[in-house]
Amino acid sequence: MYLFEGQYGGKYSIRSAQQVFKQCMQKANINKDIGIHGLRHSFATHLMENGTDISIIQKMLGHNDIKTTLLYTHVSQKSIAKVESPLDKISRKTDGKKS
């Protein structure tokens, strides 16, 4: 199974996939200088933002070293805002016991 299958089965050539991607970018009025590899980066970023464990993303992308995955994906402000300090959790538990 391929991400992009040809009309008669089998895989698209790299060049064909690039051309389809470029046409879709034009139709969507996206004027960024990004190649089809950007889909891979976007996919990984969305997984991270939705809370997928980094080790799972590493396996999905086929990276041998987690450092590659960490460089490949960026942590968004949205992800940073979701982080909760363990100290806050302890504080809530302690406050709850005093009541």
PDB file of N, CA and C in Angstrom:
ATOM      1  N   MET A   1       0.852  -1.180   0.000  1.00  0.00           N
ATOM      2  CA  MET A   1       0.000   0.000   0.000  1.00  0.00           C
ATOM      3  C   MET A   1       0.897   1.243   0.000  1.00  0.00           C
ATOM      4  N   TYR A   2       0.500   2.204  -0.758  1.00  0.00           N
ATOM      5  CA  TYR A   2       1.244   3.456  -0.872  1.00  0.00           C
ATOM      6  C   TYR A   2       0.367   4.606  -0.413  1.00  0.00           C
ATOM      7  N   LEU A   3       1.000   5.668   0.001  1.00  0.00           N
ATOM      8  CA  LEU A   3       0.244   6.858   0.380  1.00  0.00           C
ATOM      9  C   LEU A   3      -0.496   7.403  -0.829  1.00  0.00           C
ATOM     10  N   PHE A   4       0.182   7.427  -1.968  1.00  0.00           N
ATOM     11  CA  PHE A   4      -0.417   7.882  -3.212  1.00  0.00           C
ATOM     12  C   PHE A   4      -0.333   6.740  -4.212  1.00  0.00           C
ATOM     13  N   GLU A   5      -1.470   6.159  -4.546  1.00  0.00           N
ATOM     14  CA  GLU A   5      -1.495   5.086  -5.535  1.00  0.00           C
ATOM     15  C   GLU A   5      -1.854   5.649  -6.892  1.00  0.00           C
ATOM     16  N   GLY A   6      -1.260   5.072  -7.902  1.00  0.00           N
ATOM     17  CA  GLY A   6      -1.547   5.476  -9.263  1.00  0.00           C
ATOM     18  C   GLY A   6      -2.936   5.046  -9.697  1.00  0.00           C
ATOM     19  N   GLN A   7      -3.372   5.531 -10.801  1.00  0.00           N
ATOM     20  CA  GLN A   7      -4.695   5.251 -11.342  1.00  0.00           C
ATOM     21  C   GLN A   7      -4.938   3.759 -11.524  1.00  0.00           C
ATOM     22  N   TYR A   8      -3.900   3.025 -11.882  1.00  0.00           N
ATOM     23  CA  TYR A   8      -4.026   1.594 -12.133  1.00  0.00           C
ATOM     24  C   TYR A   8      -3.328   0.766 -11.052  1.00  0.00           C
ATOM     25  N   GLY A   9      -3.218   1.319  -9.858  1.00  0.00           N
ATOM     26  CA  GLY A   9      -2.509   0.646  -8.767  1.00  0.00           C
ATOM     27  C   GLY A   9      -1.033   0.976  -8.837  1.00  0.00           C
ATOM     28  N   GLY A  10      -0.287   0.470  -7.913  1.00  0.00           N
ATOM     29  CA  GLY A  10       1.138   0.767  -7.877  1.00  0.00           C
ATOM     30  C   GLY A  10       1.374   2.170  -7.372  1.00  0.00           C
ATOM     31  N   LYS A  11       2.622   2.502  -7.235  1.00  0.00           N
ATOM     32  CA  LYS A  11       2.937   3.807  -6.672  1.00  0.00           C
ATOM     33  C   LYS A  11       3.103   4.875  -7.740  1.00  0.00           C
ATOM     34  N   TYR A  12       2.860   6.122  -7.325  1.00  0.00           N
ATOM     35  CA  TYR A  12       3.137   7.280  -8.171  1.00  0.00           C
ATOM     36  C   TYR A  12       4.651   7.428  -8.260  1.00  0.00           C
ATOM     37  N   SER A  13       5.102   7.955  -9.344  1.00  0.00           N
ATOM     38  CA  SER A  13       6.525   8.295  -9.405  1.00  0.00           C
ATOM     39  C   SER A  13       6.742   9.501  -8.502  1.00  0.00           C
ATOM     40  N   ILE A  14       7.961   9.677  -8.057  1.00  0.00           N
ATOM     41  CA  ILE A  14       8.277  10.820  -7.199  1.00  0.00           C
ATOM     42  C   ILE A  14       7.912  12.117  -7.903  1.00  0.00           C
ATOM     43  N   ARG A  15       8.257  12.209  -9.160  1.00  0.00           N
ATOM     44  CA  ARG A  15       7.988  13.433  -9.935  1.00  0.00           C
ATOM     45  C   ARG A  15       6.482  13.700 -10.047  1.00  0.00           C
ATOM     46  N   SER A  16       5.705  12.668 -10.287  1.00  0.00           N
ATOM     47  CA  SER A  16       4.245  12.848 -10.391  1.00  0.00           C
ATOM     48  C   SER A  16       3.664  13.335  -9.069  1.00  0.00           C
ATOM     49  N   ALA A  17       4.113  12.748  -7.968  1.00  0.00           N
ATOM     50  CA  ALA A  17       3.626  13.164  -6.652  1.00  0.00           C
ATOM     51  C   ALA A  17       3.990  14.629  -6.396  1.00  0.00           C
ATOM     52  N   GLN A  18       5.195  15.025  -6.797  1.00  0.00           N
ATOM     53  CA  GLN A  18       5.618  16.422  -6.629  1.00  0.00           C
ATOM     54  C   GLN A  18       4.752  17.362  -7.445  1.00  0.00           C
ATOM     55  N   GLN A  19       4.421  16.969  -8.672  1.00  0.00           N
ATOM     56  CA  GLN A  19       3.589  17.817  -9.527  1.00  0.00           C
ATOM     57  C   GLN A  19       2.177  17.946  -8.973  1.00  0.00           C
ATOM     58  N   VAL A  20       1.605  16.847  -8.493  1.00  0.00           N
ATOM     59  CA  VAL A  20       0.267  16.897  -7.903  1.00  0.00           C
ATOM     60  C   VAL A  20       0.277  17.805  -6.680  1.00  0.00           C
ATOM     61  N   PHE A  21       1.298  17.671  -5.856  1.00  0.00           N
ATOM     62  CA  PHE A  21       1.419  18.510  -4.665  1.00  0.00           C
ATOM     63  C   PHE A  21       1.487  19.986  -5.050  1.00  0.00           C
ATOM     64  N   LYS A  22       2.295  20.306  -6.041  1.00  0.00           N
ATOM     65  CA  LYS A  22       2.445  21.693  -6.495  1.00  0.00           C
ATOM     66  C   LYS A  22       1.108  22.236  -7.020  1.00  0.00           C
ATOM     67  N   GLN A  23       0.380  21.430  -7.787  1.00  0.00           N
ATOM     68  CA  GLN A  23      -0.920  21.860  -8.309  1.00  0.00           C
ATOM     69  C   GLN A  23      -1.913  22.105  -7.181  1.00  0.00           C
ATOM     70  N   CYS A  24      -1.902  21.237  -6.182  1.00  0.00           N
ATOM     71  CA  CYS A  24      -2.807  21.407  -5.043  1.00  0.00           C
ATOM     72  C   CYS A  24      -2.476  22.675  -4.264  1.00  0.00           C
ATOM     73  N   MET A  25      -1.191  22.955  -4.114  1.00  0.00           N
ATOM     74  CA  MET A  25      -0.771  24.189  -3.438  1.00  0.00           C
ATOM     75  C   MET A  25      -1.291  25.409  -4.201  1.00  0.00           C
ATOM     76  N   GLN A  26      -1.181  25.375  -5.521  1.00  0.00           N
ATOM     77  CA  GLN A  26      -1.647  26.491  -6.339  1.00  0.00           C
ATOM     78  C   GLN A  26      -3.160  26.653  -6.222  1.00  0.00           C
ATOM     79  N   LYS A  27      -3.904  25.542  -6.307  1.00  0.00           N
ATOM     80  CA  LYS A  27      -5.364  25.599  -6.205  1.00  0.00           C
ATOM     81  C   LYS A  27      -5.820  26.132  -4.852  1.00  0.00           C
ATOM     82  N   ALA A  28      -5.053  25.830  -3.815  1.00  0.00           N
ATOM     83  CA  ALA A  28      -5.397  26.280  -2.465  1.00  0.00           C
ATOM     84  C   ALA A  28      -4.854  27.677  -2.164  1.00  0.00           C
ATOM     85  N   ASN A  29      -4.233  28.313  -3.170  1.00  0.00           N
ATOM     86  CA  ASN A  29      -3.636  29.644  -2.997  1.00  0.00           C
ATOM     87  C   ASN A  29      -2.618  29.689  -1.854  1.00  0.00           C
ATOM     88  N   ILE A  30      -1.854  28.631  -1.734  1.00  0.00           N
ATOM     89  CA  ILE A  30      -0.779  28.588  -0.750  1.00  0.00           C
ATOM     90  C   ILE A  30       0.497  28.959  -1.483  1.00  0.00           C
ATOM     91  N   ASN A  31       1.066  30.070  -1.111  1.00  0.00           N
ATOM     92  CA  ASN A  31       2.226  30.597  -1.819  1.00  0.00           C
ATOM     93  C   ASN A  31       3.519  30.446  -1.030  1.00  0.00           C
ATOM     94  N   LYS A  32       3.619  29.370  -0.274  1.00  0.00           N
ATOM     95  CA  LYS A  32       4.832  29.116   0.489  1.00  0.00           C
ATOM     96  C   LYS A  32       5.779  28.259  -0.333  1.00  0.00           C
ATOM     97  N   ASP A  33       7.050  28.452  -0.090  1.00  0.00           N
ATOM     98  CA  ASP A  33       8.063  27.660  -0.771  1.00  0.00           C
ATOM     99  C   ASP A  33       8.298  26.382   0.037  1.00  0.00           C
ATOM    100  N   ILE A  34       7.464  25.393  -0.224  1.00  0.00           N
ATOM    101  CA  ILE A  34       7.529  24.136   0.518  1.00  0.00           C
ATOM    102  C   ILE A  34       7.404  22.984  -0.465  1.00  0.00           C
ATOM    103  N   GLY A  35       8.160  21.963  -0.234  1.00  0.00           N
ATOM    104  CA  GLY A  35       8.104  20.789  -1.093  1.00  0.00           C
ATOM    105  C   GLY A  35       7.215  19.719  -0.494  1.00  0.00           C
ATOM    106  N   ILE A  36       7.048  18.644  -1.210  1.00  0.00           N
ATOM    107  CA  ILE A  36       6.177  17.558  -0.763  1.00  0.00           C
ATOM    108  C   ILE A  36       6.673  16.953   0.547  1.00  0.00           C
ATOM    109  N   HIS A  37       7.964  17.054   0.819  1.00  0.00           N
ATOM    110  CA  HIS A  37       8.505  16.555   2.087  1.00  0.00           C
ATOM    111  C   HIS A  37       7.897  17.298   3.273  1.00  0.00           C
ATOM    112  N   GLY A  38       7.365  18.489   3.015  1.00  0.00           N
ATOM    113  CA  GLY A  38       6.695  19.254   4.056  1.00  0.00           C
ATOM    114  C   GLY A  38       5.479  18.533   4.617  1.00  0.00           C
ATOM    115  N   LEU A  39       4.871  17.650   3.828  1.00  0.00           N
ATOM    116  CA  LEU A  39       3.738  16.867   4.324  1.00  0.00           C
ATOM    117  C   LEU A  39       4.182  15.975   5.480  1.00  0.00           C
ATOM    118  N   ARG A  40       5.365  15.421   5.348  1.00  0.00           N
ATOM    119  CA  ARG A  40       5.906  14.545   6.391  1.00  0.00           C
ATOM    120  C   ARG A  40       6.133  15.343   7.671  1.00  0.00           C
ATOM    121  N   HIS A  41       6.702  16.529   7.524  1.00  0.00           N
ATOM    122  CA  HIS A  41       6.950  17.390   8.670  1.00  0.00           C
ATOM    123  C   HIS A  41       5.622  17.804   9.319  1.00  0.00           C
ATOM    124  N   SER A  42       4.654  18.187   8.506  1.00  0.00           N
ATOM    125  CA  SER A  42       3.344  18.589   9.022  1.00  0.00           C
ATOM    126  C   SER A  42       2.663  17.446   9.752  1.00  0.00           C
ATOM    127  N   PHE A  43       2.740  16.257   9.185  1.00  0.00           N
ATOM    128  CA  PHE A  43       2.148  15.071   9.796  1.00  0.00           C
ATOM    129  C   PHE A  43       2.733  14.848  11.188  1.00  0.00           C
ATOM    130  N   ALA A  44       4.061  14.892  11.280  1.00  0.00           N
ATOM    131  CA  ALA A  44       4.721  14.675  12.564  1.00  0.00           C
ATOM    132  C   ALA A  44       4.351  15.771  13.566  1.00  0.00           C
ATOM    133  N   THR A  45       4.280  17.007  13.096  1.00  0.00           N
ATOM    134  CA  THR A  45       3.938  18.126  13.973  1.00  0.00           C
ATOM    135  C   THR A  45       2.521  17.973  14.508  1.00  0.00           C
ATOM    136  N   HIS A  46       1.579  17.607  13.644  1.00  0.00           N
ATOM    137  CA  HIS A  46       0.190  17.411  14.090  1.00  0.00           C
ATOM    138  C   HIS A  46       0.093  16.272  15.098  1.00  0.00           C
ATOM    139  N   LEU A  47       0.844  15.203  14.867  1.00  0.00           N
ATOM    140  CA  LEU A  47       0.843  14.107  15.838  1.00  0.00           C
ATOM    141  C   LEU A  47       1.320  14.597  17.208  1.00  0.00           C
ATOM    142  N   MET A  48       2.396  15.370  17.198  1.00  0.00           N
ATOM    143  CA  MET A  48       2.916  15.900  18.466  1.00  0.00           C
ATOM    144  C   MET A  48       1.902  16.799  19.146  1.00  0.00           C
ATOM    145  N   GLU A  49       1.291  17.693  18.377  1.00  0.00           N
ATOM    146  CA  GLU A  49       0.319  18.631  18.956  1.00  0.00           C
ATOM    147  C   GLU A  49      -0.905  17.923  19.510  1.00  0.00           C
ATOM    148  N   ASN A  50      -1.191  16.739  18.979  1.00  0.00           N
ATOM    149  CA  ASN A  50      -2.336  15.976  19.464  1.00  0.00           C
ATOM    150  C   ASN A  50      -1.950  15.002  20.570  1.00  0.00           C
ATOM    151  N   GLY A  51      -0.708  15.123  21.047  1.00  0.00           N
ATOM    152  CA  GLY A  51      -0.296  14.349  22.211  1.00  0.00           C
ATOM    153  C   GLY A  51       0.294  12.980  21.937  1.00  0.00           C
ATOM    154  N   THR A  52       0.601  12.672  20.688  1.00  0.00           N
ATOM    155  CA  THR A  52       1.202  11.380  20.377  1.00  0.00           C
ATOM    156  C   THR A  52       2.604  11.325  20.961  1.00  0.00           C
ATOM    157  N   ASP A  53       2.926  10.232  21.600  1.00  0.00           N
ATOM    158  CA  ASP A  53       4.239  10.056  22.209  1.00  0.00           C
ATOM    159  C   ASP A  53       5.327  10.139  21.147  1.00  0.00           C
ATOM    160  N   ILE A  54       6.424  10.815  21.475  1.00  0.00           N
ATOM    161  CA  ILE A  54       7.509  11.038  20.526  1.00  0.00           C
ATOM    162  C   ILE A  54       8.120   9.731  20.036  1.00  0.00           C
ATOM    163  N   SER A  55       8.139   8.706  20.882  1.00  0.00           N
ATOM    164  CA  SER A  55       8.707   7.423  20.454  1.00  0.00           C
ATOM    165  C   SER A  55       7.831   6.756  19.401  1.00  0.00           C
ATOM    166  N   ILE A  56       6.543   6.981  19.459  1.00  0.00           N
ATOM    167  CA  ILE A  56       5.642   6.444  18.432  1.00  0.00           C
ATOM    168  C   ILE A  56       5.872   7.184  17.117  1.00  0.00           C
ATOM    169  N   ILE A  57       6.019   8.497  17.192  1.00  0.00           N
ATOM    170  CA  ILE A  57       6.304   9.290  15.986  1.00  0.00           C
ATOM    171  C   ILE A  57       7.624   8.832  15.385  1.00  0.00           C
ATOM    172  N   GLN A  58       8.609   8.591  16.228  1.00  0.00           N
ATOM    173  CA  GLN A  58       9.908   8.106  15.755  1.00  0.00           C
ATOM    174  C   GLN A  58       9.741   6.824  14.943  1.00  0.00           C
ATOM    175  N   LYS A  59       8.965   5.893  15.464  1.00  0.00           N
ATOM    176  CA  LYS A  59       8.752   4.622  14.758  1.00  0.00           C
ATOM    177  C   LYS A  59       7.982   4.827  13.459  1.00  0.00           C
ATOM    178  N   MET A  60       6.975   5.685  13.495  1.00  0.00           N
ATOM    179  CA  MET A  60       6.172   5.924  12.295  1.00  0.00           C
ATOM    180  C   MET A  60       7.006   6.552  11.178  1.00  0.00           C
ATOM    181  N   LEU A  61       7.953   7.420  11.557  1.00  0.00           N
ATOM    182  CA  LEU A  61       8.795   8.081  10.571  1.00  0.00           C
ATOM    183  C   LEU A  61       9.988   7.226  10.160  1.00  0.00           C
ATOM    184  N   GLY A  62      10.213   6.133  10.885  1.00  0.00           N
ATOM    185  CA  GLY A  62      11.309   5.237  10.549  1.00  0.00           C
ATOM    186  C   GLY A  62      12.675   5.738  10.974  1.00  0.00           C
ATOM    187  N   HIS A  63      12.709   6.570  12.002  1.00  0.00           N
ATOM    188  CA  HIS A  63      13.983   7.089  12.490  1.00  0.00           C
ATOM    189  C   HIS A  63      14.623   6.093  13.452  1.00  0.00           C
ATOM    190  N   ASN A  64      15.904   5.850  13.298  1.00  0.00           N
ATOM    191  CA  ASN A  64      16.630   4.972  14.212  1.00  0.00           C
ATOM    192  C   ASN A  64      16.976   5.679  15.514  1.00  0.00           C
ATOM    193  N   ASP A  65      17.237   6.959  15.432  1.00  0.00           N
ATOM    194  CA  ASP A  65      17.671   7.741  16.588  1.00  0.00           C
ATOM    195  C   ASP A  65      16.607   8.782  16.929  1.00  0.00           C
ATOM    196  N   ILE A  66      16.209   8.835  18.183  1.00  0.00           N
ATOM    197  CA  ILE A  66      15.188   9.789  18.627  1.00  0.00           C
ATOM    198  C   ILE A  66      15.623  11.230  18.375  1.00  0.00           C
ATOM    199  N   LYS A  67      16.918  11.483  18.361  1.00  0.00           N
ATOM    200  CA  LYS A  67      17.419  12.840  18.104  1.00  0.00           C
ATOM    201  C   LYS A  67      16.969  13.332  16.733  1.00  0.00           C
ATOM    202  N   THR A  68      16.918  12.432  15.762  1.00  0.00           N
ATOM    203  CA  THR A  68      16.451  12.802  14.424  1.00  0.00           C
ATOM    204  C   THR A  68      15.005  13.261  14.482  1.00  0.00           C
ATOM    205  N   THR A  69      14.190  12.543  15.223  1.00  0.00           N
ATOM    206  CA  THR A  69      12.774  12.891  15.346  1.00  0.00           C
ATOM    207  C   THR A  69      12.613  14.224  16.061  1.00  0.00           C
ATOM    208  N   LEU A  70      13.412  14.439  17.089  1.00  0.00           N
ATOM    209  CA  LEU A  70      13.321  15.691  17.838  1.00  0.00           C
ATOM    210  C   LEU A  70      13.716  16.885  16.976  1.00  0.00           C
ATOM    211  N   LEU A  71      14.669  16.702  16.087  1.00  0.00           N
ATOM    212  CA  LEU A  71      15.055  17.786  15.182  1.00  0.00           C
ATOM    213  C   LEU A  71      14.009  17.996  14.090  1.00  0.00           C
ATOM    214  N   TYR A  72      13.402  16.914  13.682  1.00  0.00           N
ATOM    215  CA  TYR A  72      12.466  16.926  12.564  1.00  0.00           C
ATOM    216  C   TYR A  72      11.159  17.600  12.919  1.00  0.00           C
ATOM    217  N   THR A  73      10.744  17.436  14.130  1.00  0.00           N
ATOM    218  CA  THR A  73       9.494  18.032  14.586  1.00  0.00           C
ATOM    219  C   THR A  73       9.819  19.211  15.475  1.00  0.00           C
ATOM    220  N   HIS A  74       8.935  20.157  15.513  1.00  0.00           N
ATOM    221  CA  HIS A  74       9.146  21.302  16.398  1.00  0.00           C
ATOM    222  C   HIS A  74       8.021  21.329  17.413  1.00  0.00           C
ATOM    223  N   VAL A  75       8.330  21.821  18.581  1.00  0.00           N
ATOM    224  CA  VAL A  75       7.332  21.912  19.635  1.00  0.00           C
ATOM    225  C   VAL A  75       6.613  23.239  19.478  1.00  0.00           C
ATOM    226  N   SER A  76       5.334  23.167  19.336  1.00  0.00           N
ATOM    227  CA  SER A  76       4.544  24.378  19.144  1.00  0.00           C
ATOM    228  C   SER A  76       4.214  25.025  20.484  1.00  0.00           C
ATOM    229  N   GLN A  77       3.803  26.270  20.426  1.00  0.00           N
ATOM    230  CA  GLN A  77       3.363  26.979  21.624  1.00  0.00           C
ATOM    231  C   GLN A  77       2.158  26.271  22.233  1.00  0.00           C
ATOM    232  N   LYS A  78       1.325  25.683  21.385  1.00  0.00           N
ATOM    233  CA  LYS A  78       0.146  24.953  21.847  1.00  0.00           C
ATOM    234  C   LYS A  78       0.570  23.784  22.730  1.00  0.00           C
ATOM    235  N   SER A  79       1.608  23.071  22.307  1.00  0.00           N
ATOM    236  CA  SER A  79       2.102  21.939  23.082  1.00  0.00           C
ATOM    237  C   SER A  79       2.709  22.397  24.397  1.00  0.00           C
ATOM    238  N   ILE A  80       3.457  23.473  24.351  1.00  0.00           N
ATOM    239  CA  ILE A  80       4.094  23.991  25.565  1.00  0.00           C
ATOM    240  C   ILE A  80       3.027  24.418  26.575  1.00  0.00           C
ATOM    241  N   ALA A  81       1.955  25.024  26.088  1.00  0.00           N
ATOM    242  CA  ALA A  81       0.899  25.502  26.983  1.00  0.00           C
ATOM    243  C   ALA A  81       0.184  24.353  27.695  1.00  0.00           C
ATOM    244  N   LYS A  82       0.203  23.160  27.121  1.00  0.00           N
ATOM    245  CA  LYS A  82      -0.470  22.004  27.717  1.00  0.00           C
ATOM    246  C   LYS A  82       0.337  21.355  28.840  1.00  0.00           C
ATOM    247  N   VAL A  83       1.615  21.690  28.925  1.00  0.00           N
ATOM    248  CA  VAL A  83       2.474  21.064  29.919  1.00  0.00           C
ATOM    249  C   VAL A  83       2.064  21.525  31.306  1.00  0.00           C
ATOM    250  N   GLU A  84       1.910  20.548  32.200  1.00  0.00           N
ATOM    251  CA  GLU A  84       1.542  20.858  33.573  1.00  0.00           C
ATOM    252  C   GLU A  84       2.675  20.409  34.490  1.00  0.00           C
ATOM    253  N   SER A  85       3.061  21.266  35.365  1.00  0.00           N
ATOM    254  CA  SER A  85       4.136  20.967  36.296  1.00  0.00           C
ATOM    255  C   SER A  85       3.696  19.881  37.271  1.00  0.00           C
ATOM    256  N   PRO A  86       4.562  18.915  37.546  1.00  0.00           N
ATOM    257  CA  PRO A  86       4.237  17.914  38.568  1.00  0.00           C
ATOM    258  C   PRO A  86       4.008  18.560  39.930  1.00  0.00           C
ATOM    259  N   LEU A  87       4.662  19.690  40.182  1.00  0.00           N
ATOM    260  CA  LEU A  87       4.472  20.390  41.446  1.00  0.00           C
ATOM    261  C   LEU A  87       3.049  20.922  41.580  1.00  0.00           C
ATOM    262  N   ASP A  88       2.462  21.363  40.453  1.00  0.00           N
ATOM    263  CA  ASP A  88       1.069  21.823  40.490  1.00  0.00           C
ATOM    264  C   ASP A  88       0.127  20.672  40.829  1.00  0.00           C
ATOM    265  N   LYS A  89       0.430  19.498  40.301  1.00  0.00           N
ATOM    266  CA  LYS A  89      -0.407  18.326  40.591  1.00  0.00           C
ATOM    267  C   LYS A  89      -0.331  17.965  42.067  1.00  0.00           C
ATOM    268  N   ILE A  90       0.873  18.005  42.622  1.00  0.00           N
ATOM    269  CA  ILE A  90       1.050  17.700  44.047  1.00  0.00           C
ATOM    270  C   ILE A  90       0.309  18.723  44.888  1.00  0.00           C
ATOM    271  N   SER A  91       0.424  19.989  44.498  1.00  0.00           N
ATOM    272  CA  SER A  91      -0.238  21.063  45.233  1.00  0.00           C
ATOM    273  C   SER A  91      -1.750  20.853  45.253  1.00  0.00           C
ATOM    274  N   ARG A  92      -2.321  20.458  44.122  1.00  0.00           N
ATOM    275  CA  ARG A  92      -3.775  20.218  44.057  1.00  0.00           C
ATOM    276  C   ARG A  92      -4.175  19.057  44.951  1.00  0.00           C
ATOM    277  N   LYS A  93      -3.380  18.005  44.961  1.00  0.00           N
ATOM    278  CA  LYS A  93      -3.683  16.838  45.802  1.00  0.00           C
ATOM    279  C   LYS A  93      -3.625  17.229  47.278  1.00  0.00           C
ATOM    280  N   THR A  94      -2.612  18.008  47.637  1.00  0.00           N
ATOM    281  CA  THR A  94      -2.450  18.451  49.015  1.00  0.00           C
ATOM    282  C   THR A  94      -3.595  19.358  49.424  1.00  0.00           C
ATOM    283  N   ASP A  95      -3.962  20.286  48.548  1.00  0.00           N
ATOM    284  CA  ASP A  95      -5.075  21.198  48.828  1.00  0.00           C
ATOM    285  C   ASP A  95      -6.372  20.430  48.996  1.00  0.00           C
ATOM    286  N   GLY A  96      -6.559  19.403  48.216  1.00  0.00           N
ATOM    287  CA  GLY A  96      -7.765  18.601  48.276  1.00  0.00           C
ATOM    288  C   GLY A  96      -7.875  17.832  49.584  1.00  0.00           C
ATOM    289  N   LYS A  97      -6.757  17.399  50.131  1.00  0.00           N
ATOM    290  CA  LYS A  97      -6.754  16.641  51.391  1.00  0.00           C
ATOM    291  C   LYS A  97      -7.050  17.532  52.590  1.00  0.00           C
ATOM    292  N   LYS A  98      -6.660  18.803  52.506  1.00  0.00           N
ATOM    293  CA  LYS A  98      -6.882  19.740  53.620  1.00  0.00           C
ATOM    294  C   LYS A  98      -8.337  20.125  53.745  1.00  0.00           C
ATOM    295  N   SER A  99      -9.092  20.041  52.679  1.00  0.00           N
ATOM    296  CA  SER A  99     -10.487  20.472  52.710  1.00  0.00           C
ATOM    297  C   SER A  99     -11.360  19.513  53.458  1.00  0.00           C
TER     298      SER A  99
END
